Amino acid sequence: MRSHTINETTAINDDIILEDLGYKPELKRSFSLFGMIGFAFSVLTCWTALAGSLVVGINSGGPPVIIWSWVGVSLCSMAVAYSFAEICSAFPVAGGQYSWVAILAPPKYARPLSYWCGWFILIGFLSAGAGNGFVGANFVLGMANMGNPDFVIERWHTCVVAYTLLILAAAVNIWGRRTLERLSQFMIVFNIVSFVVVVVVILARDDDKQSASFVFKDFQNNSGFGTAYASLLGLLQSAFGMTGYDATAHMTEEMKDARKDAPKAIIWAVWIGAITGFIFLVAVCFCIGNINDAAVSSTGVPIFQIFLNATNSFAAAMVLSVQISVIGLVSLAFLCAQSSRLTFAFARDGGLPFSGFFSKVNPRSQVPVNAICLVVAVNCAFMSVYFGSVTAFSTILAISTEGFYLSYILPLAVRLWGRWSGKGPSLESGAYPLRFGLFLNLLGVLYLAFACITFNFPSTYPINASNMNYTCAAVGVSVLIATVTWFTTGSKGFSGPQAGAMLQGGGINVKHVHHMHSGPEGNVSGDGSAEHSMVDHKVADVEIYDNKTHAE
C-alpha cells in the first residue's frame, strides 16, 4: 500500500474533523487558500458594492460621513471577522453561524437558537441573491443605455435579465464545479486590477476635482432629516458595503486544510475589502461632480454616470463600466454557491421542509444540485416581486442585510456567554487562537446590535406609505415563519452538529463502524487512522439526551 501525499493526508484529516462534528464528507475539497480568498472577496466586493449606494450616502451627510463611517464600520467588522475566524477554525462546517450557535449556546436553548439563526441567514442569502440579480441586471441594461441613449429601461427588462443571470449562475454551479476554484483565483486578480484601473483613470482624467474640504470635512444634508439622523443614514451606506464576510464559513467543506486556511481567508477578504473600499470612496468623492446628474441618470446606475462625467469619454466610461459589471456578474455564481451550501447544510440537519430531498448531493459531480435549484427558484420568485411593487422589492433587499447581521450576532453572543459563564465548550482545538477575544466579541456584538436597529429606520423624507422602511415588518414575518416551522416540524426533525451536545456534556453516544479499504486509499501513512463507514449524511447512530434530538 502506498503512503498518502501531504495533500491527501490533509484532506483525510479535514474529513475526520467533519465526521467528529457528525457529518459524512460529501463535497469535493478543491479550494486552496488563494482560491478561497478570491471567492470570499468576490462575494464581499466592498468597492463595487459601495458604488451602488453612493447616492444615499452623499445626500445623508456627504463624503465626510461616507468616508469616516466606512473607517468605523470596517474596524467594527474586523472585530466580527476575527471572532468568526476563531470559531470557524474550531468548527469548520458548511452551516456556519447556525452550526456554531448549536455548539456554543446553553444546552437548553441551543437547538431553537440554532434553528432561528439558520432561518435568518437563509432568508438573508435568498433575498441577497435576488438583490444581486437585480444589480447585475441594472449593470447590463445600464451599459445598453450608455451605448444607445434612446433605449428606455422598463421594469420587465430588469426582471427578464435578472432571471437569465440567476439561471446562468446556477448552471455554472451545477455543471462547472471544477471551474469555480480557478475562476475564484482569476477573479481576485481581475478584481484588484480593475480597482486600480478605475481609481487611476478617474483621478487622471477628471480635470474638475472636488476640494479636500468637500471630501473630508464639509457636512451636507439633503435628506430632509436632522443632522444626527442623516449621519446615521450615511453610516448605513457603509454597513451595506461590508456584508457577506461569512462566505468562507459556508465553503469550508470544500476547502483543503479548512481548519487552518478558512480563518485566514475570512480575515484577508475583510482587510482587502476595507482597504479597497476606502481608497475607492476617496477617489470617487474627489471626482463625483454633480451628484444630482448621477442620481437621475437614464442608465439607472449612478456610478456609470460618474465615470462618464469624470473621464469625459464614452469609451473610457464604458471600459470602466464593463470591468465593474463583470465583477458583479461573476459574484452571482459565487453567491449561488455559498447560498446552496448553506441550504444543503440546513436541510442536512432537518431544518427545511423536504429536507431529505434538498440535502441530496449528486454522487458524480459532488454538488448539491437540488439545493442549487431551490436557491435559484426562490431568487427568481423574490425578483418577481419587482414586477408588482418597487416598495415591496426594496423591503426584500433590506431584509438581506438585516438577516445577515442577525445571524452574525447570535454566535458572538453565545460565545460571550461561554466566556463569561465558563460553561461553553473550549475552542483550544482550533488552529486560530484569538488574542483579546473578549473585547473583540463584545465590540462585534455591540456594533451588530446597533446596525440591526438602525437598518429599520426610514431613509426618505417626507415619510409615506410608498417610501416607508418595512424591514422591521419583514423581520417579524421571518421570525414568525421560523417560530411556526419550529413548533410544527423543526423541534422534532432539526438536529444540528453532534458536537453541540458532545462538547457540553449532552450525553451523545457515538458508535462508529470501522471498515478497511483495499487499495491505496485505505490508510493514512504514519498515524494508522482508519476511515469511518457512514450512513446517509451522519457518521453514526446517536442517542442524545438534553440538547439534541436526531431524526435518524
Protein backbone atom coordinates (compact mmCIF):
# COMPACT_ATOMS: atom_id res chain seq x y z
CA MET A 1 0.00 0.00 0.00
CA ARG A 2 1.36 3.38 -0.96
CA SER A 3 1.62 6.23 1.50
CA HIS A 4 -0.68 9.23 1.15
CA THR A 5 0.71 12.51 -0.04
CA ILE A 6 0.63 15.51 2.26
CA ASN A 7 -2.38 16.92 0.40
CA GLU A 8 -4.23 13.61 0.65
CA THR A 9 -3.45 13.33 4.35
CA THR A 10 -4.68 16.89 4.89
CA ALA A 11 -7.92 16.10 3.05
CA ILE A 12 -8.47 12.98 5.16
CA ASN A 13 -7.83 14.94 8.35
CA ASP A 14 -10.36 17.55 7.17
CA ASP A 15 -12.92 14.80 6.65
CA ILE A 16 -12.21 13.31 10.08
CA ILE A 17 -12.86 16.72 11.65
CA LEU A 18 -16.17 16.87 9.77
CA GLU A 19 -17.02 13.35 10.96
CA ASP A 20 -16.30 14.43 14.53
CA LEU A 21 -18.98 17.08 14.05
CA GLY A 22 -21.35 14.34 12.95
CA TYR A 23 -21.36 14.63 9.15
CA LYS A 24 -20.47 12.47 6.20
CA PRO A 25 -17.99 14.25 3.84
CA GLU A 26 -19.85 14.51 0.50
CA LEU A 27 -18.45 17.61 -1.20
CA LYS A 28 -15.22 17.77 -3.18
CA ARG A 29 -12.37 19.61 -1.44
CA SER A 30 -10.88 21.70 -4.24
CA PHE A 31 -10.42 25.23 -2.88
CA SER A 32 -6.94 26.38 -1.91
CA LEU A 33 -6.29 29.33 0.40
CA PHE A 34 -5.69 31.70 -2.51
CA GLY A 35 -8.78 30.46 -4.30
CA MET A 36 -10.94 30.91 -1.21
CA ILE A 37 -9.63 34.43 -0.62
CA GLY A 38 -10.66 35.18 -4.20
CA PHE A 39 -14.05 33.57 -3.63
CA ALA A 40 -14.70 35.45 -0.38
CA PHE A 41 -13.53 38.80 -1.73
CA SER A 42 -15.64 38.33 -4.87
CA VAL A 43 -18.71 37.84 -2.66
CA LEU A 44 -17.76 40.78 -0.45
CA THR A 45 -16.57 43.13 -3.28
CA CYS A 46 -16.79 46.14 -0.99
CA TRP A 47 -15.74 48.75 -3.51
CA THR A 48 -18.24 47.68 -6.16
CA ALA A 49 -20.98 47.33 -3.53
CA LEU A 50 -20.27 50.86 -2.30
CA ALA A 51 -20.55 52.10 -5.88
CA GLY A 52 -24.18 51.04 -5.93
CA SER A 53 -25.27 53.00 -2.86
CA LEU A 54 -23.34 56.26 -3.19
CA VAL A 55 -26.38 58.48 -3.70
CA VAL A 56 -27.85 57.62 -0.28
CA GLY A 57 -24.59 58.49 1.46
CA ILE A 58 -23.99 61.69 -0.48
CA ASN A 59 -27.44 63.02 0.39
CA SER A 60 -27.12 61.97 4.05
CA GLY A 61 -24.04 63.75 5.31
CA GLY A 62 -21.97 63.85 2.15
CA PRO A 63 -18.46 62.50 1.52
CA PRO A 64 -17.13 63.05 5.08
CA VAL A 65 -19.83 60.83 6.58
CA ILE A 66 -19.32 58.20 3.86
CA ILE A 67 -15.55 58.03 4.26
CA TRP A 68 -15.23 58.22 8.04
CA SER A 69 -18.18 55.92 8.66
CA TRP A 70 -16.51 53.42 6.33
CA VAL A 71 -13.43 53.51 8.56
CA GLY A 72 -15.57 52.89 11.64
CA VAL A 73 -17.66 50.16 10.04
CA SER A 74 -14.52 48.44 8.75
CA LEU A 75 -12.92 48.42 12.20
CA CYS A 76 -16.08 47.00 13.80
CA SER A 77 -16.41 44.44 11.02
CA MET A 78 -12.84 43.39 11.72
CA ALA A 79 -13.90 42.53 15.26
CA VAL A 80 -16.69 40.34 13.89
CA ALA A 81 -14.42 38.75 11.27
CA TYR A 82 -11.68 37.89 13.78
CA SER A 83 -14.31 36.42 16.10
CA PHE A 84 -15.67 34.33 13.20
CA ALA A 85 -12.16 33.20 12.30
CA GLU A 86 -11.59 31.79 15.77
CA ILE A 87 -14.89 29.88 15.83
CA CYS A 88 -14.57 28.69 12.22
CA SER A 89 -11.13 27.25 12.86
CA ALA A 90 -12.57 25.09 15.63
CA PHE A 91 -15.77 24.10 13.80
CA PRO A 92 -15.27 24.17 10.00
CA VAL A 93 -18.74 23.12 8.83
CA ALA A 94 -20.92 24.45 5.98
CA GLY A 95 -23.71 25.50 8.34
CA GLY A 96 -21.53 28.34 9.58
CA GLN A 97 -23.28 30.58 12.07
CA TYR A 98 -26.24 28.36 12.91
CA SER A 99 -23.95 25.37 13.49
CA TRP A 100 -21.73 27.44 15.75
CA VAL A 101 -24.76 28.53 17.76
CA ALA A 102 -25.80 24.89 18.20
CA ILE A 103 -22.36 24.09 19.58
CA LEU A 104 -21.76 27.19 21.71
CA ALA A 105 -25.20 28.05 23.13
CA PRO A 106 -26.54 26.89 26.51
CA PRO A 107 -27.82 23.32 26.02
CA LYS A 108 -31.40 24.21 26.92
CA TYR A 109 -31.64 26.82 24.16
CA ALA A 110 -29.11 25.51 21.63
CA ARG A 111 -31.49 23.87 19.16
CA PRO A 112 -34.14 26.63 18.87
CA LEU A 113 -31.49 29.39 18.75
CA SER A 114 -29.58 27.47 16.09
CA TYR A 115 -32.79 26.93 14.13
CA TRP A 116 -33.73 30.63 14.19
CA CYS A 117 -30.18 31.60 13.27
CA GLY A 118 -30.37 29.21 10.32
CA TRP A 119 -33.56 30.82 9.09
CA PHE A 120 -32.12 34.34 9.45
CA ILE A 121 -29.06 33.55 7.37
CA LEU A 122 -31.06 31.53 4.84
CA ILE A 123 -33.52 34.38 4.27
CA GLY A 124 -30.58 36.77 4.08
CA PHE A 125 -28.90 34.70 1.38
CA LEU A 126 -32.04 34.10 -0.65
CA SER A 127 -33.01 37.77 -0.68
CA ALA A 128 -29.38 38.77 -1.37
CA GLY A 129 -29.43 36.54 -4.44
CA ALA A 130 -32.44 38.44 -5.76
CA GLY A 131 -30.74 41.72 -4.90
CA ASN A 132 -27.52 40.80 -6.67
CA GLY A 133 -29.51 39.60 -9.68
CA PHE A 134 -31.25 42.98 -9.71
CA VAL A 135 -27.93 44.84 -9.54
CA GLY A 136 -26.44 42.64 -12.26
CA ALA A 137 -29.44 43.32 -14.50
CA ASN A 138 -29.09 47.06 -13.86
CA PHE A 139 -25.43 46.89 -14.88
CA VAL A 140 -26.25 45.10 -18.15
CA LEU A 141 -29.16 47.41 -19.03
CA GLY A 142 -27.20 50.48 -17.89
CA MET A 143 -24.43 49.69 -20.35
CA ALA A 144 -27.05 49.15 -23.06
CA ASN A 145 -28.45 52.60 -22.31
CA MET A 146 -24.97 54.14 -22.39
CA GLY A 147 -24.45 52.67 -25.85
CA ASN A 148 -27.92 53.66 -27.04
CA PRO A 149 -29.38 56.61 -25.07
CA ASP A 150 -32.72 56.18 -26.86
CA PHE A 151 -33.17 52.80 -25.20
CA VAL A 152 -35.65 53.17 -22.32
CA ILE A 153 -35.22 50.67 -19.50
CA GLU A 154 -38.53 49.11 -18.43
CA ARG A 155 -39.24 47.17 -15.27
CA TRP A 156 -39.85 43.95 -17.16
CA HIS A 157 -36.47 44.30 -18.86
CA THR A 158 -34.82 44.23 -15.45
CA CYS A 159 -36.73 41.13 -14.36
CA VAL A 160 -36.03 39.14 -17.54
CA VAL A 161 -32.31 39.95 -17.50
CA ALA A 162 -32.12 39.13 -13.78
CA TYR A 163 -33.81 35.75 -14.36
CA THR A 164 -31.29 34.99 -17.09
CA LEU A 165 -28.31 35.91 -14.92
CA LEU A 166 -29.57 33.88 -11.95
CA ILE A 167 -30.15 30.80 -14.12
CA LEU A 168 -26.67 31.16 -15.63
CA ALA A 169 -25.18 31.38 -12.14
CA ALA A 170 -26.98 28.17 -11.20
CA ALA A 171 -25.76 26.46 -14.39
CA VAL A 172 -22.16 27.35 -13.57
CA ASN A 173 -22.58 25.79 -10.14
CA ILE A 174 -24.23 22.62 -11.42
CA TRP A 175 -22.04 21.87 -14.42
CA GLY A 176 -18.95 23.94 -13.75
CA ARG A 177 -17.90 22.98 -10.24
CA ARG A 178 -14.32 22.42 -11.35
CA THR A 179 -14.16 25.94 -12.78
CA LEU A 180 -15.25 27.67 -9.57
CA GLU A 181 -11.87 27.39 -7.83
CA ARG A 182 -9.96 28.50 -10.94
CA LEU A 183 -12.48 31.29 -11.51
CA SER A 184 -12.05 32.49 -7.93
CA GLN A 185 -8.27 32.67 -8.38
CA PHE A 186 -8.69 34.62 -11.62
CA MET A 187 -11.29 36.94 -10.14
CA ILE A 188 -9.20 38.18 -7.23
CA VAL A 189 -6.53 39.26 -9.72
CA PHE A 190 -9.14 40.76 -12.07
CA ASN A 191 -10.86 42.48 -9.16
CA ILE A 192 -7.71 44.14 -7.84
CA VAL A 193 -6.51 45.13 -11.34
CA SER A 194 -9.94 46.60 -12.14
CA PHE A 195 -9.91 48.51 -8.87
CA VAL A 196 -6.51 50.04 -9.69
CA VAL A 197 -7.58 50.89 -13.24
CA VAL A 198 -10.82 52.55 -12.12
CA VAL A 199 -9.15 54.65 -9.42
CA VAL A 200 -6.20 55.72 -11.59
CA VAL A 201 -8.31 56.54 -14.65
CA ILE A 202 -10.94 58.68 -12.92
CA LEU A 203 -8.30 60.58 -10.92
CA ALA A 204 -6.13 61.12 -14.02
CA ARG A 205 -8.96 62.09 -16.38
CA ASP A 206 -11.06 64.34 -14.13
CA ASP A 207 -9.99 67.98 -14.56
CA ASP A 208 -12.56 69.40 -12.15
CA LYS A 209 -11.98 67.61 -8.87
CA GLN A 210 -13.69 68.49 -5.61
CA SER A 211 -11.68 70.12 -2.82
CA ALA A 212 -10.18 68.18 0.09
CA SER A 213 -12.54 70.07 2.38
CA PHE A 214 -15.55 68.78 0.39
CA VAL A 215 -14.29 65.21 0.62
CA PHE A 216 -13.12 65.05 4.24
CA LYS A 217 -14.81 67.86 6.14
CA ASP A 218 -17.91 69.59 4.74
CA PHE A 219 -21.12 68.04 6.06
CA GLN A 220 -24.00 68.04 3.58
CA ASN A 221 -27.56 67.12 4.43
CA ASN A 222 -30.08 66.84 1.60
CA SER A 223 -32.12 64.09 3.22
CA GLY A 224 -34.76 66.28 4.87
CA PHE A 225 -33.93 64.83 8.29
CA GLY A 226 -31.92 66.38 11.12
CA THR A 227 -28.12 66.28 11.22
CA ALA A 228 -27.76 63.35 13.63
CA TYR A 229 -30.34 61.22 11.85
CA ALA A 230 -28.82 62.00 8.44
CA SER A 231 -25.43 60.86 9.74
CA LEU A 232 -26.95 57.53 10.75
CA LEU A 233 -28.29 57.06 7.22
CA GLY A 234 -24.84 57.77 5.82
CA LEU A 235 -23.43 55.20 8.21
CA LEU A 236 -25.85 52.57 6.88
CA GLN A 237 -24.46 53.01 3.38
CA SER A 238 -21.11 51.79 4.70
CA ALA A 239 -22.73 48.89 6.56
CA PHE A 240 -24.40 47.73 3.34
CA GLY A 241 -20.97 47.63 1.68
CA MET A 242 -19.44 45.37 4.34
CA THR A 243 -21.71 42.34 4.31
CA GLY A 244 -21.10 38.71 3.43
CA TYR A 245 -17.78 38.02 5.12
CA ASP A 246 -19.17 34.70 6.33
CA ALA A 247 -18.77 33.35 2.77
CA THR A 248 -15.75 31.24 3.64
CA ALA A 249 -17.52 29.55 6.56
CA HIS A 250 -20.14 28.03 4.26
CA MET A 251 -17.49 26.68 1.88
CA THR A 252 -15.24 25.00 4.47
CA GLU A 253 -16.35 21.50 3.46
CA GLU A 254 -14.84 22.21 0.03
CA MET A 255 -11.57 23.68 1.31
CA LYS A 256 -8.21 22.00 1.68
CA ASP A 257 -6.88 22.31 5.23
CA ALA A 258 -10.04 24.17 6.23
CA ARG A 259 -9.23 24.49 9.92
CA LYS A 260 -6.03 26.36 9.15
CA ASP A 261 -6.88 28.26 5.96
CA ALA A 262 -10.56 29.20 6.40
CA PRO A 263 -9.78 31.75 9.17
CA LYS A 264 -7.08 33.30 7.01
CA ALA A 265 -9.47 33.64 4.08
CA ILE A 266 -12.08 35.36 6.28
CA ILE A 267 -9.55 37.89 7.60
CA TRP A 268 -7.82 38.54 4.28
CA ALA A 269 -11.12 39.16 2.47
CA VAL A 270 -12.22 41.76 5.04
CA TRP A 271 -8.84 43.51 5.09
CA ILE A 272 -8.70 43.72 1.29
CA GLY A 273 -12.31 44.88 1.20
CA ALA A 274 -11.74 47.58 3.81
CA ILE A 275 -8.64 49.00 2.10
CA THR A 276 -10.02 48.94 -1.45
CA GLY A 277 -13.32 50.37 -0.24
CA PHE A 278 -11.61 53.31 1.49
CA ILE A 279 -9.40 54.19 -1.49
CA PHE A 280 -12.33 53.86 -3.91
CA LEU A 281 -14.57 56.12 -1.82
CA VAL A 282 -11.90 58.82 -1.58
CA ALA A 283 -11.25 58.71 -5.33
CA VAL A 284 -14.93 58.81 -6.27
CA CYS A 285 -15.70 61.64 -3.84
CA PHE A 286 -12.96 63.77 -5.41
CA CYS A 287 -14.38 63.05 -8.88
CA ILE A 288 -18.09 62.96 -8.10
CA GLY A 289 -19.07 66.11 -9.98
CA ASN A 290 -22.81 66.81 -9.93
CA ILE A 291 -24.39 64.08 -7.82
CA ASN A 292 -27.88 65.06 -8.97
CA ASP A 293 -26.97 64.24 -12.57
CA ALA A 294 -25.74 60.84 -11.45
CA ALA A 295 -28.84 60.20 -9.34
CA VAL A 296 -31.23 60.77 -12.24
CA SER A 297 -29.06 59.18 -14.92
CA SER A 298 -31.01 57.30 -17.59
CA THR A 299 -28.59 54.39 -17.14
CA GLY A 300 -30.14 53.64 -13.75
CA VAL A 301 -26.59 53.16 -12.37
CA PRO A 302 -25.18 56.38 -10.83
CA ILE A 303 -21.57 55.16 -10.86
CA PHE A 304 -21.72 54.78 -14.66
CA GLN A 305 -22.69 58.44 -14.97
CA ILE A 306 -19.90 59.38 -12.56
CA PHE A 307 -17.44 57.51 -14.79
CA LEU A 308 -18.78 59.37 -17.83
CA ASN A 309 -18.56 62.77 -16.14
CA ALA A 310 -15.09 62.13 -14.73
CA THR A 311 -13.49 60.79 -17.93
CA ASN A 312 -15.40 62.91 -20.47
CA SER A 313 -15.08 59.89 -22.74
CA PHE A 314 -17.73 57.37 -23.69
CA ALA A 315 -15.10 54.71 -24.48
CA ALA A 316 -13.27 55.12 -21.17
CA ALA A 317 -16.52 55.15 -19.18
CA MET A 318 -17.71 52.01 -20.97
CA VAL A 319 -14.45 50.16 -20.23
CA LEU A 320 -14.70 51.03 -16.54
CA SER A 321 -18.37 50.07 -16.51
CA VAL A 322 -17.64 46.70 -18.12
CA GLN A 323 -14.99 45.96 -15.51
CA ILE A 324 -17.26 46.70 -12.58
CA SER A 325 -20.10 44.78 -14.25
CA VAL A 326 -18.01 41.65 -14.79
CA ILE A 327 -17.15 41.63 -11.09
CA GLY A 328 -20.82 41.98 -10.16
CA LEU A 329 -21.97 39.26 -12.57
CA VAL A 330 -19.34 36.70 -11.56
CA SER A 331 -20.12 37.30 -7.90
CA LEU A 332 -23.60 35.93 -8.67
CA ALA A 333 -22.10 32.49 -9.31
CA PHE A 334 -20.13 32.63 -6.06
CA LEU A 335 -23.16 33.81 -4.08
CA CYS A 336 -25.20 30.95 -5.56
CA ALA A 337 -22.50 28.50 -4.46
CA GLN A 338 -22.43 29.94 -0.95
CA SER A 339 -26.24 30.02 -0.65
CA SER A 340 -26.67 26.47 -1.93
CA ARG A 341 -24.10 25.08 0.51
CA LEU A 342 -25.91 26.73 3.40
CA THR A 343 -29.24 25.39 2.10
CA PHE A 344 -27.74 21.93 1.75
CA ALA A 345 -26.31 22.06 5.29
CA PHE A 346 -29.56 23.33 6.82
CA ALA A 347 -31.53 20.61 5.03
CA ARG A 348 -28.96 18.02 6.12
CA ASP A 349 -29.79 18.99 9.70
CA GLY A 350 -33.53 18.73 9.06
CA GLY A 351 -34.13 22.48 9.07
CA LEU A 352 -36.23 22.68 5.88
CA PRO A 353 -39.42 21.10 4.58
CA PHE A 354 -38.49 18.13 2.36
CA SER A 355 -35.02 18.17 3.89
CA GLY A 356 -34.22 14.70 2.58
CA PHE A 357 -34.64 15.92 -0.99
CA PHE A 358 -32.77 19.22 -0.67
CA SER A 359 -29.86 17.63 1.22
CA LYS A 360 -29.03 15.21 -1.59
CA VAL A 361 -25.63 15.53 -3.24
CA ASN A 362 -25.06 14.36 -6.81
CA PRO A 363 -22.59 11.48 -6.33
CA ARG A 364 -20.94 12.08 -9.70
CA SER A 365 -20.38 15.83 -9.58
CA GLN A 366 -20.33 16.06 -5.75
CA VAL A 367 -22.59 19.10 -5.98
CA PRO A 368 -25.88 19.71 -4.05
CA VAL A 369 -27.91 20.13 -7.25
CA ASN A 370 -31.32 20.15 -5.55
CA ALA A 371 -30.24 22.88 -3.15
CA ILE A 372 -28.90 24.97 -6.06
CA CYS A 373 -32.22 24.65 -7.89
CA LEU A 374 -34.13 25.67 -4.76
CA VAL A 375 -31.91 28.73 -4.30
CA VAL A 376 -32.33 29.98 -7.86
CA ALA A 377 -36.08 29.30 -7.80
CA VAL A 378 -36.55 31.39 -4.66
CA ASN A 379 -34.22 34.09 -6.05
CA CYS A 380 -36.40 34.34 -9.17
CA ALA A 381 -39.58 34.34 -7.08
CA PHE A 382 -38.27 37.26 -4.99
CA MET A 383 -37.20 39.02 -8.18
CA SER A 384 -40.76 38.69 -9.49
CA VAL A 385 -41.93 40.96 -6.68
CA TYR A 386 -40.28 43.82 -8.60
CA PHE A 387 -42.97 43.41 -11.25
CA GLY A 388 -45.70 44.29 -8.80
CA SER A 389 -44.20 46.67 -6.24
CA VAL A 390 -40.91 48.53 -6.05
CA THR A 391 -41.53 49.21 -2.36
CA ALA A 392 -42.03 45.52 -1.58
CA PHE A 393 -38.90 44.62 -3.52
CA SER A 394 -36.92 47.27 -1.64
CA THR A 395 -38.00 45.55 1.57
CA ILE A 396 -36.66 42.24 0.23
CA LEU A 397 -33.32 43.93 -0.46
CA ALA A 398 -33.27 45.43 3.05
CA ILE A 399 -34.04 42.14 4.77
CA SER A 400 -30.94 40.57 3.21
CA THR A 401 -28.57 42.78 5.19
CA GLU A 402 -30.74 42.53 8.30
CA GLY A 403 -30.80 38.74 8.00
CA PHE A 404 -27.03 38.58 7.68
CA TYR A 405 -26.41 40.79 10.68
CA LEU A 406 -28.93 38.97 12.89
CA SER A 407 -27.21 35.69 12.05
CA TYR A 408 -23.83 37.28 12.82
CA ILE A 409 -24.84 38.49 16.27
CA LEU A 410 -26.09 35.15 17.62
CA PRO A 411 -22.82 33.15 17.53
CA LEU A 412 -20.90 36.08 19.01
CA ALA A 413 -23.48 36.47 21.76
CA VAL A 414 -23.35 32.81 22.77
CA ARG A 415 -19.54 32.90 22.56
CA LEU A 416 -19.60 35.78 25.05
CA TRP A 417 -21.92 33.75 27.26
CA GLY A 418 -19.40 30.92 27.22
CA ARG A 419 -16.51 33.22 28.10
CA TRP A 420 -18.34 34.89 30.99
CA SER A 421 -20.04 31.79 32.41
CA GLY A 422 -17.16 29.40 31.82
CA LYS A 423 -19.72 26.79 30.70
CA GLY A 424 -19.18 26.96 26.95
CA PRO A 425 -17.03 24.45 25.05
CA SER A 426 -13.32 25.12 24.75
CA LEU A 427 -12.04 26.33 21.38
CA GLU A 428 -8.47 25.29 22.09
CA SER A 429 -8.65 22.66 19.35
CA GLY A 430 -8.94 25.38 16.72
CA ALA A 431 -5.98 26.49 14.63
CA TYR A 432 -6.64 30.20 15.11
CA PRO A 433 -6.31 31.28 18.76
CA LEU A 434 -7.73 34.78 19.21
CA ARG A 435 -5.99 37.40 21.32
CA PHE A 436 -8.23 39.93 23.04
CA GLY A 437 -11.14 37.65 22.21
CA LEU A 438 -13.49 39.00 24.87
CA PHE A 439 -13.01 42.59 23.70
CA LEU A 440 -13.46 41.71 20.01
CA ASN A 441 -16.55 39.60 20.71
CA LEU A 442 -18.11 42.40 22.75
CA LEU A 443 -17.30 45.10 20.19
CA GLY A 444 -18.75 42.93 17.44
CA VAL A 445 -21.99 42.31 19.34
CA LEU A 446 -22.47 46.00 20.16
CA TYR A 447 -21.84 47.06 16.55
CA LEU A 448 -24.14 44.41 15.10
CA ALA A 449 -26.92 45.24 17.57
CA PHE A 450 -26.63 48.94 16.68
CA ALA A 451 -26.70 48.16 12.95
CA CYS A 452 -29.69 45.82 13.27
CA ILE A 453 -31.69 48.57 14.96
CA THR A 454 -30.76 51.36 12.55
CA PHE A 455 -31.45 49.21 9.47
CA ASN A 456 -35.14 49.68 10.30
CA PHE A 457 -35.07 53.49 10.07
CA PRO A 458 -36.75 55.21 7.10
CA SER A 459 -34.32 56.84 4.67
CA THR A 460 -36.58 59.22 2.74
CA TYR A 461 -38.40 62.37 3.88
CA PRO A 462 -41.28 63.09 3.98
CA ILE A 463 -42.25 59.59 5.04
CA ASN A 464 -45.25 57.99 3.36
CA ALA A 465 -46.56 54.52 2.56
CA SER A 466 -44.50 54.20 -0.62
CA ASN A 467 -41.10 55.06 0.88
CA MET A 468 -41.54 53.71 4.41
CA ASN A 469 -38.91 51.21 5.57
CA TYR A 470 -40.76 47.95 6.10
CA THR A 471 -37.69 45.98 7.18
CA CYS A 472 -38.99 45.55 10.72
CA ALA A 473 -42.20 44.02 9.36
CA ALA A 474 -40.21 41.67 7.12
CA VAL A 475 -38.05 40.63 10.08
CA GLY A 476 -41.22 39.96 12.05
CA VAL A 477 -42.55 37.75 9.26
CA SER A 478 -39.22 35.89 9.15
CA VAL A 479 -39.33 35.29 12.92
CA LEU A 480 -42.95 34.14 12.62
CA ILE A 481 -42.07 31.66 9.85
CA ALA A 482 -39.13 30.30 11.84
CA THR A 483 -41.24 30.01 15.01
CA VAL A 484 -44.18 28.29 13.31
CA THR A 485 -41.95 25.83 11.47
CA TRP A 486 -40.04 25.16 14.70
CA PHE A 487 -43.16 24.12 16.58
CA THR A 488 -44.61 22.17 13.62
CA THR A 489 -41.57 20.31 12.26
CA GLY A 490 -38.28 21.78 13.48
CA SER A 491 -38.50 20.74 17.11
CA LYS A 492 -38.78 17.12 16.01
CA GLY A 493 -36.61 16.97 12.91
CA PHE A 494 -33.88 19.59 13.36
CA SER A 495 -30.61 18.20 14.70
CA GLY A 496 -27.54 20.38 14.18
CA PRO A 497 -23.96 19.27 14.75
CA GLN A 498 -23.50 16.35 17.15
CA ALA A 499 -20.66 18.33 18.69
CA GLY A 500 -23.21 20.73 20.16
CA ALA A 501 -24.20 18.19 22.76
CA MET A 502 -20.88 16.34 22.78
CA LEU A 503 -18.82 19.32 23.90
CA GLN A 504 -21.32 20.39 26.52
CA GLY A 505 -21.83 17.01 28.09
CA GLY A 506 -25.16 16.41 26.41
CA GLY A 507 -24.85 12.63 26.53
CA ILE A 508 -24.11 11.62 22.95
CA ASN A 509 -23.20 8.01 22.42
CA VAL A 510 -21.44 7.75 19.08
CA LYS A 511 -20.89 4.28 17.69
CA HIS A 512 -18.50 4.42 14.74
CA VAL A 513 -18.37 1.48 12.39
CA HIS A 514 -14.86 0.97 11.05
CA HIS A 515 -14.06 -0.71 7.78
CA MET A 516 -11.00 -1.44 5.73
CA HIS A 517 -10.41 -0.31 2.16
CA SER A 518 -8.44 -2.42 -0.23
CA GLY A 519 -6.17 -0.33 -2.35
CA PRO A 520 -4.10 2.79 -1.86
CA GLU A 521 -6.89 4.92 -0.39
CA GLY A 522 -7.46 2.74 2.62
CA ASN A 523 -4.90 4.03 5.09
CA VAL A 524 -3.11 7.09 6.30
CA SER A 525 0.61 6.60 6.41
CA GLY A 526 2.26 7.25 9.71
CA ASP A 527 -0.71 7.53 12.05
CA GLY A 528 -2.74 4.45 11.19
CA SER A 529 -6.02 6.38 11.15
CA ALA A 530 -8.91 4.45 9.69
CA GLU A 531 -11.77 5.99 7.80
CA HIS A 532 -15.33 5.58 9.00
CA SER A 533 -18.38 4.00 7.49
CA MET A 534 -21.26 6.41 7.29
CA VAL A 535 -24.98 6.09 6.77
CA ASP A 536 -26.79 8.90 4.91
CA HIS A 537 -25.34 12.31 5.98
CA LYS A 538 -24.50 11.33 9.56
CA VAL A 539 -21.44 9.36 10.55
CA ALA A 540 -23.02 7.39 13.33
CA ASP A 541 -26.13 6.22 15.11
CA VAL A 542 -26.52 8.57 18.04
CA GLU A 543 -28.54 8.79 21.17
CA ILE A 544 -28.95 12.28 22.52
CA TYR A 545 -30.17 13.41 25.86
CA ASP A 546 -30.81 17.00 26.94
CA ASN A 547 -29.62 19.01 23.95
CA LYS A 548 -30.39 17.33 20.63
CA THR A 549 -32.91 15.00 19.09
CA HIS A 550 -31.68 13.44 15.88
CA ALA A 551 -34.16 12.03 13.45
CA GLU A 552 -32.02 9.19 12.18
